[in-house]
Amino acid sequence: MECQGPIVGTLLKMTKLPETKLSKIVNDQVTAYNAKDLELFLSFYHQEIEIYIEAEEVPKIIGIEDFRIHYRNFFNTNPNVKAEIIFEVIEDSIVYQHEKLSGRSDGSLESTYAVKYQILGEKIKSVRFKRLED
């Protein structure tokens, strides 16, 4: 499968690798996201989670309580939203993925995002989202 590389936009050819501990954390939170199981979804995140959008230097969301409020509202307004992992690379404590998002209630078509998950211990400490050209 040929995909754009994580965040930076280079083209890479990847094959599916065995799931690692870091990959399992990230993939399991995607499963919880798709199930709209808010408490399970939150359990994968650090209490001091930081969420960044595009190239912002300041996080859009800081802390698990803001994260909880954001995703409770998001799941309530987007009951059919699903994320599909289409690409993954693991480097040290970072998991890079390309995720395809579909089913948003605003009627937008599928969107693909480059996502960078920073893992601290066994929790996701920060996430950076960058929308890719569809």
N, C-alpha and C. Protein backbone atom coordinates (compact mmCIF):
# COMPACT_ATOMS: atom_id res chain seq x y z
N MET A 1 0.85 -1.16 0.00
CA MET A 1 0.00 0.00 0.00
C MET A 1 0.89 1.22 0.00
N GLU A 2 0.59 2.18 -0.82
CA GLU A 2 1.38 3.40 -0.90
C GLU A 2 0.60 4.51 -0.22
N CYS A 3 1.23 5.20 0.74
CA CYS A 3 0.57 6.25 1.50
C CYS A 3 1.55 7.38 1.72
N GLN A 4 1.01 8.56 2.04
CA GLN A 4 1.89 9.63 2.45
C GLN A 4 2.47 9.27 3.80
N GLY A 5 3.73 9.63 4.01
CA GLY A 5 4.40 9.34 5.27
C GLY A 5 3.83 10.16 6.41
N PRO A 6 4.16 9.78 7.62
CA PRO A 6 3.59 10.44 8.79
C PRO A 6 3.94 11.93 8.83
N ILE A 7 2.94 12.73 8.90
CA ILE A 7 2.97 14.18 9.05
C ILE A 7 3.76 14.89 7.96
N VAL A 8 4.93 14.41 7.56
CA VAL A 8 5.83 15.18 6.71
C VAL A 8 5.51 15.11 5.24
N GLY A 9 4.72 14.15 4.77
CA GLY A 9 4.27 14.14 3.40
C GLY A 9 5.14 13.38 2.42
N THR A 10 6.10 12.58 2.87
CA THR A 10 6.88 11.76 1.95
C THR A 10 6.10 10.50 1.61
N LEU A 11 6.37 9.92 0.46
CA LEU A 11 5.67 8.69 0.08
C LEU A 11 6.46 7.48 0.57
N LEU A 12 5.75 6.54 1.17
CA LEU A 12 6.37 5.33 1.71
C LEU A 12 5.55 4.13 1.28
N LYS A 13 6.20 2.98 1.13
CA LYS A 13 5.50 1.72 0.94
C LYS A 13 5.59 0.96 2.25
N MET A 14 4.43 0.54 2.79
CA MET A 14 4.41 -0.10 4.10
C MET A 14 3.69 -1.45 4.01
N THR A 15 4.13 -2.38 4.83
CA THR A 15 3.41 -3.62 5.00
C THR A 15 2.95 -3.68 6.45
N LYS A 16 1.91 -4.43 6.71
CA LYS A 16 1.37 -4.55 8.06
C LYS A 16 2.36 -5.30 8.94
N LEU A 17 2.76 -4.70 10.06
CA LEU A 17 3.68 -5.31 10.99
C LEU A 17 2.92 -5.86 12.19
N PRO A 18 3.53 -6.78 12.93
CA PRO A 18 2.85 -7.29 14.13
C PRO A 18 2.57 -6.14 15.10
N GLU A 19 1.47 -6.24 15.79
CA GLU A 19 1.07 -5.19 16.72
C GLU A 19 2.01 -5.16 17.93
N THR A 20 2.53 -3.99 18.26
CA THR A 20 3.37 -3.80 19.43
C THR A 20 2.50 -3.28 20.56
N LYS A 21 3.10 -3.15 21.75
CA LYS A 21 2.37 -2.62 22.90
C LYS A 21 1.85 -1.21 22.62
N LEU A 22 2.70 -0.36 22.04
CA LEU A 22 2.28 1.01 21.72
C LEU A 22 1.17 1.02 20.69
N SER A 23 1.32 0.20 19.67
CA SER A 23 0.32 0.09 18.63
C SER A 23 -1.01 -0.38 19.23
N LYS A 24 -0.94 -1.32 20.15
CA LYS A 24 -2.15 -1.85 20.77
C LYS A 24 -2.89 -0.76 21.55
N ILE A 25 -2.16 0.08 22.27
CA ILE A 25 -2.79 1.18 23.01
C ILE A 25 -3.57 2.07 22.04
N VAL A 26 -2.90 2.47 20.97
CA VAL A 26 -3.53 3.38 20.00
C VAL A 26 -4.68 2.70 19.26
N ASN A 27 -4.47 1.47 18.83
CA ASN A 27 -5.52 0.77 18.09
C ASN A 27 -6.73 0.47 18.97
N ASP A 28 -6.49 0.14 20.24
CA ASP A 28 -7.60 -0.12 21.15
C ASP A 28 -8.41 1.15 21.42
N GLN A 29 -7.74 2.32 21.46
CA GLN A 29 -8.51 3.55 21.66
C GLN A 29 -9.32 3.87 20.42
N VAL A 30 -8.84 3.51 19.23
CA VAL A 30 -9.63 3.70 18.01
C VAL A 30 -10.87 2.81 18.06
N THR A 31 -10.71 1.59 18.54
CA THR A 31 -11.85 0.68 18.68
C THR A 31 -12.89 1.26 19.64
N ALA A 32 -12.43 1.82 20.77
CA ALA A 32 -13.34 2.45 21.74
C ALA A 32 -14.01 3.68 21.13
N TYR A 33 -13.25 4.45 20.35
CA TYR A 33 -13.79 5.62 19.64
C TYR A 33 -14.92 5.17 18.71
N ASN A 34 -14.69 4.14 17.93
CA ASN A 34 -15.70 3.66 16.98
C ASN A 34 -16.93 3.12 17.69
N ALA A 35 -16.76 2.59 18.90
CA ALA A 35 -17.89 2.08 19.68
C ALA A 35 -18.60 3.20 20.45
N LYS A 36 -18.03 4.40 20.44
CA LYS A 36 -18.54 5.56 21.19
C LYS A 36 -18.61 5.24 22.68
N ASP A 37 -17.66 4.40 23.15
CA ASP A 37 -17.57 4.05 24.57
C ASP A 37 -16.66 5.09 25.23
N LEU A 38 -17.25 6.18 25.69
CA LEU A 38 -16.49 7.33 26.18
C LEU A 38 -15.54 6.96 27.31
N GLU A 39 -16.01 6.22 28.29
CA GLU A 39 -15.14 5.90 29.43
C GLU A 39 -13.98 5.00 29.02
N LEU A 40 -14.23 4.02 28.18
CA LEU A 40 -13.15 3.17 27.70
C LEU A 40 -12.18 4.00 26.85
N PHE A 41 -12.71 4.85 25.97
CA PHE A 41 -11.89 5.72 25.14
C PHE A 41 -10.98 6.59 26.01
N LEU A 42 -11.53 7.20 27.04
CA LEU A 42 -10.76 8.07 27.93
C LEU A 42 -9.69 7.31 28.70
N SER A 43 -9.91 6.04 28.95
CA SER A 43 -8.97 5.25 29.76
C SER A 43 -7.60 5.09 29.10
N PHE A 44 -7.50 5.36 27.81
CA PHE A 44 -6.23 5.24 27.10
C PHE A 44 -5.41 6.53 27.17
N TYR A 45 -5.98 7.59 27.74
CA TYR A 45 -5.35 8.90 27.72
C TYR A 45 -4.83 9.32 29.09
N HIS A 46 -3.71 10.03 29.08
CA HIS A 46 -3.07 10.59 30.25
C HIS A 46 -3.98 11.69 30.83
N GLN A 47 -3.93 11.88 32.13
CA GLN A 47 -4.72 12.94 32.78
C GLN A 47 -4.40 14.32 32.23
N GLU A 48 -3.18 14.51 31.76
CA GLU A 48 -2.75 15.81 31.23
C GLU A 48 -2.65 15.79 29.70
N ILE A 49 -3.57 15.09 29.06
CA ILE A 49 -3.58 14.96 27.60
C ILE A 49 -3.60 16.34 26.93
N GLU A 50 -2.87 16.44 25.83
CA GLU A 50 -2.87 17.66 25.02
C GLU A 50 -3.20 17.27 23.59
N ILE A 51 -4.16 17.99 22.99
CA ILE A 51 -4.57 17.73 21.61
C ILE A 51 -4.24 18.96 20.77
N TYR A 52 -3.50 18.73 19.68
CA TYR A 52 -3.10 19.80 18.78
C TYR A 52 -3.75 19.56 17.42
N ILE A 53 -4.16 20.65 16.77
CA ILE A 53 -4.74 20.57 15.44
C ILE A 53 -3.80 21.30 14.48
N GLU A 54 -3.50 20.62 13.35
CA GLU A 54 -2.60 21.17 12.34
C GLU A 54 -1.29 21.59 12.98
N ALA A 55 -0.79 22.79 12.66
CA ALA A 55 0.52 23.22 13.13
C ALA A 55 0.43 24.15 14.35
N GLU A 56 -0.70 24.14 15.04
CA GLU A 56 -0.86 25.01 16.21
C GLU A 56 0.19 24.69 17.26
N GLU A 57 0.71 25.72 17.88
CA GLU A 57 1.68 25.56 18.96
C GLU A 57 0.98 25.41 20.31
N VAL A 58 -0.24 25.92 20.40
CA VAL A 58 -1.00 25.85 21.63
C VAL A 58 -2.04 24.74 21.48
N PRO A 59 -2.13 23.84 22.47
CA PRO A 59 -3.11 22.76 22.35
C PRO A 59 -4.55 23.28 22.31
N LYS A 60 -5.38 22.59 21.52
CA LYS A 60 -6.81 22.91 21.46
C LYS A 60 -7.51 22.38 22.70
N ILE A 61 -7.04 21.24 23.20
CA ILE A 61 -7.61 20.61 24.39
C ILE A 61 -6.46 20.31 25.35
N ILE A 62 -6.65 20.65 26.62
CA ILE A 62 -5.66 20.34 27.66
C ILE A 62 -6.38 19.69 28.83
N GLY A 63 -5.94 18.50 29.19
CA GLY A 63 -6.50 17.82 30.37
C GLY A 63 -7.65 16.89 30.04
N ILE A 64 -7.77 15.87 30.85
CA ILE A 64 -8.74 14.81 30.60
C ILE A 64 -10.18 15.31 30.72
N GLU A 65 -10.45 16.29 31.59
CA GLU A 65 -11.83 16.77 31.73
C GLU A 65 -12.29 17.55 30.50
N ASP A 66 -11.42 18.40 29.94
CA ASP A 66 -11.77 19.09 28.69
C ASP A 66 -11.92 18.08 27.55
N PHE A 67 -11.06 17.08 27.56
CA PHE A 67 -11.11 16.00 26.57
C PHE A 67 -12.44 15.26 26.66
N ARG A 68 -12.85 14.95 27.90
CA ARG A 68 -14.13 14.26 28.15
C ARG A 68 -15.30 15.08 27.60
N ILE A 69 -15.34 16.37 27.90
CA ILE A 69 -16.42 17.24 27.45
C ILE A 69 -16.45 17.30 25.92
N HIS A 70 -15.28 17.49 25.32
CA HIS A 70 -15.20 17.58 23.86
C HIS A 70 -15.75 16.31 23.20
N TYR A 71 -15.25 15.15 23.64
CA TYR A 71 -15.67 13.91 22.98
C TYR A 71 -17.08 13.47 23.35
N ARG A 72 -17.57 13.83 24.52
CA ARG A 72 -18.98 13.54 24.83
C ARG A 72 -19.86 14.29 23.83
N ASN A 73 -19.57 15.58 23.63
CA ASN A 73 -20.34 16.37 22.66
C ASN A 73 -20.15 15.85 21.24
N PHE A 74 -18.91 15.51 20.89
CA PHE A 74 -18.62 15.03 19.54
C PHE A 74 -19.37 13.72 19.25
N PHE A 75 -19.33 12.76 20.17
CA PHE A 75 -20.02 11.49 19.98
C PHE A 75 -21.54 11.70 19.92
N ASN A 76 -22.07 12.61 20.75
CA ASN A 76 -23.52 12.87 20.73
C ASN A 76 -23.98 13.47 19.42
N THR A 77 -23.16 14.34 18.83
CA THR A 77 -23.56 14.99 17.58
C THR A 77 -23.13 14.21 16.34
N ASN A 78 -22.29 13.20 16.51
CA ASN A 78 -21.80 12.39 15.38
C ASN A 78 -21.91 10.90 15.72
N PRO A 79 -23.13 10.38 15.89
CA PRO A 79 -23.29 8.99 16.34
C PRO A 79 -22.80 7.94 15.34
N ASN A 80 -22.60 8.32 14.08
CA ASN A 80 -22.17 7.35 13.07
C ASN A 80 -20.71 7.51 12.66
N VAL A 81 -19.98 8.37 13.36
CA VAL A 81 -18.58 8.61 12.98
C VAL A 81 -17.74 7.35 13.25
N LYS A 82 -16.83 7.09 12.32
CA LYS A 82 -15.91 5.94 12.43
C LYS A 82 -14.53 6.39 11.98
N ALA A 83 -13.52 5.83 12.62
CA ALA A 83 -12.13 6.03 12.20
C ALA A 83 -11.59 4.69 11.73
N GLU A 84 -10.90 4.73 10.61
CA GLU A 84 -10.26 3.52 10.06
C GLU A 84 -8.77 3.79 9.93
N ILE A 85 -7.96 2.92 10.52
CA ILE A 85 -6.50 3.05 10.43
C ILE A 85 -6.07 2.51 9.08
N ILE A 86 -5.38 3.34 8.31
CA ILE A 86 -4.95 2.90 6.98
C ILE A 86 -3.43 2.82 6.85
N PHE A 87 -2.72 3.27 7.88
CA PHE A 87 -1.26 3.33 7.81
C PHE A 87 -0.73 3.51 9.21
N GLU A 88 0.39 2.88 9.53
CA GLU A 88 0.96 3.03 10.87
C GLU A 88 2.47 2.85 10.84
N VAL A 89 3.16 3.71 11.59
CA VAL A 89 4.60 3.60 11.80
C VAL A 89 4.85 3.87 13.28
N ILE A 90 5.74 3.10 13.89
CA ILE A 90 6.08 3.30 15.29
C ILE A 90 7.55 3.66 15.39
N GLU A 91 7.82 4.72 16.14
CA GLU A 91 9.19 5.19 16.33
C GLU A 91 9.35 5.61 17.79
N ASP A 92 10.16 4.88 18.53
CA ASP A 92 10.35 5.13 19.97
C ASP A 92 9.00 5.12 20.68
N SER A 93 8.61 6.25 21.30
CA SER A 93 7.34 6.31 22.03
C SER A 93 6.25 7.01 21.22
N ILE A 94 6.43 7.04 19.91
CA ILE A 94 5.47 7.74 19.04
C ILE A 94 4.85 6.74 18.05
N VAL A 95 3.54 6.84 17.90
CA VAL A 95 2.83 6.06 16.89
C VAL A 95 2.27 7.06 15.89
N TYR A 96 2.67 6.89 14.64
CA TYR A 96 2.15 7.71 13.54
C TYR A 96 1.11 6.88 12.80
N GLN A 97 -0.03 7.48 12.55
CA GLN A 97 -1.06 6.79 11.78
C GLN A 97 -1.67 7.73 10.76
N HIS A 98 -2.19 7.14 9.70
CA HIS A 98 -3.12 7.83 8.83
C HIS A 98 -4.46 7.19 9.14
N GLU A 99 -5.43 8.04 9.42
CA GLU A 99 -6.76 7.56 9.77
C GLU A 99 -7.79 8.20 8.85
N LYS A 100 -8.70 7.38 8.38
CA LYS A 100 -9.80 7.86 7.54
C LYS A 100 -11.03 8.01 8.43
N LEU A 101 -11.59 9.20 8.44
CA LEU A 101 -12.75 9.51 9.27
C LEU A 101 -13.98 9.62 8.36
N SER A 102 -15.05 8.92 8.73
CA SER A 102 -16.29 8.97 7.95
C SER A 102 -17.48 9.00 8.90
N GLY A 103 -18.65 9.34 8.35
CA GLY A 103 -19.89 9.29 9.12
C GLY A 103 -20.18 10.51 9.97
N ARG A 104 -19.54 11.64 9.66
CA ARG A 104 -19.82 12.86 10.43
C ARG A 104 -21.21 13.37 10.10
N SER A 105 -21.88 13.88 11.09
CA SER A 105 -23.26 14.36 10.94
C SER A 105 -23.38 15.61 10.09
N ASP A 106 -22.29 16.35 9.92
CA ASP A 106 -22.36 17.57 9.11
C ASP A 106 -22.39 17.27 7.62
N GLY A 107 -22.35 15.99 7.27
CA GLY A 107 -22.44 15.59 5.87
C GLY A 107 -21.13 15.65 5.12
N SER A 108 -20.05 16.01 5.80
CA SER A 108 -18.76 16.07 5.11
C SER A 108 -18.36 14.67 4.65
N LEU A 109 -17.65 14.64 3.55
CA LEU A 109 -17.19 13.37 3.01
C LEU A 109 -16.09 12.82 3.89
N GLU A 110 -15.60 11.64 3.55
CA GLU A 110 -14.49 11.06 4.29
C GLU A 110 -13.31 12.01 4.28
N SER A 111 -12.61 12.07 5.40
CA SER A 111 -11.41 12.88 5.53
C SER A 111 -10.30 11.99 6.02
N THR A 112 -9.09 12.25 5.56
CA THR A 112 -7.94 11.49 6.01
C THR A 112 -7.02 12.41 6.80
N TYR A 113 -6.57 11.91 7.94
CA TYR A 113 -5.71 12.68 8.84
C TYR A 113 -4.42 11.92 9.10
N ALA A 114 -3.32 12.69 9.18
CA ALA A 114 -2.08 12.17 9.73
C ALA A 114 -2.17 12.46 11.23
N VAL A 115 -1.96 11.42 12.02
CA VAL A 115 -2.11 11.56 13.47
C VAL A 115 -0.83 11.08 14.14
N LYS A 116 -0.33 11.88 15.05
CA LYS A 116 0.89 11.55 15.80
C LYS A 116 0.51 11.39 17.27
N TYR A 117 0.63 10.16 17.79
CA TYR A 117 0.33 9.85 19.18
C TYR A 117 1.64 9.74 19.95
N GLN A 118 1.80 10.54 21.00
CA GLN A 118 2.95 10.44 21.89
C GLN A 118 2.51 9.64 23.12
N ILE A 119 3.20 8.54 23.38
CA ILE A 119 2.84 7.67 24.50
C ILE A 119 3.78 7.92 25.66
N LEU A 120 3.23 8.06 26.85
CA LEU A 120 4.00 8.21 28.09
C LEU A 120 3.55 7.11 29.03
N GLY A 121 4.46 6.20 29.35
CA GLY A 121 4.07 5.03 30.13
C GLY A 121 3.15 4.18 29.28
N GLU A 122 1.93 4.00 29.73
CA GLU A 122 0.95 3.23 28.95
C GLU A 122 -0.26 4.08 28.58
N LYS A 123 -0.05 5.41 28.55
CA LYS A 123 -1.15 6.33 28.23
C LYS A 123 -0.73 7.26 27.09
N ILE A 124 -1.71 7.71 26.34
CA ILE A 124 -1.48 8.67 25.27
C ILE A 124 -1.39 10.05 25.91
N LYS A 125 -0.23 10.69 25.78
CA LYS A 125 0.03 11.99 26.43
C LYS A 125 -0.31 13.16 25.51
N SER A 126 -0.06 13.01 24.21
CA SER A 126 -0.43 14.08 23.28
C SER A 126 -0.79 13.49 21.93
N VAL A 127 -1.63 14.24 21.22
CA VAL A 127 -2.06 13.84 19.88
C VAL A 127 -1.99 15.07 18.99
N ARG A 128 -1.44 14.89 17.79
CA ARG A 128 -1.40 15.96 16.79
C ARG A 128 -2.13 15.46 15.54
N PHE A 129 -3.11 16.25 15.10
CA PHE A 129 -3.89 15.93 13.91
C PHE A 129 -3.52 16.88 12.77
N LYS A 130 -3.35 16.34 11.58
CA LYS A 130 -3.14 17.15 10.39
C LYS A 130 -3.99 16.55 9.29
N ARG A 131 -4.90 17.35 8.77
CA ARG A 131 -5.77 16.86 7.69
C ARG A 131 -4.95 16.77 6.40
N LEU A 132 -5.08 15.65 5.71
CA LEU A 132 -4.38 15.43 4.45
C LEU A 132 -5.33 15.74 3.30
N GLU A 133 -4.77 16.04 2.17
CA GLU A 133 -5.60 16.27 0.98
C GLU A 133 -6.27 14.97 0.60
N ASP A 134 -7.56 15.03 0.35
CA ASP A 134 -8.32 13.81 -0.02
C ASP A 134 -8.28 13.58 -1.50
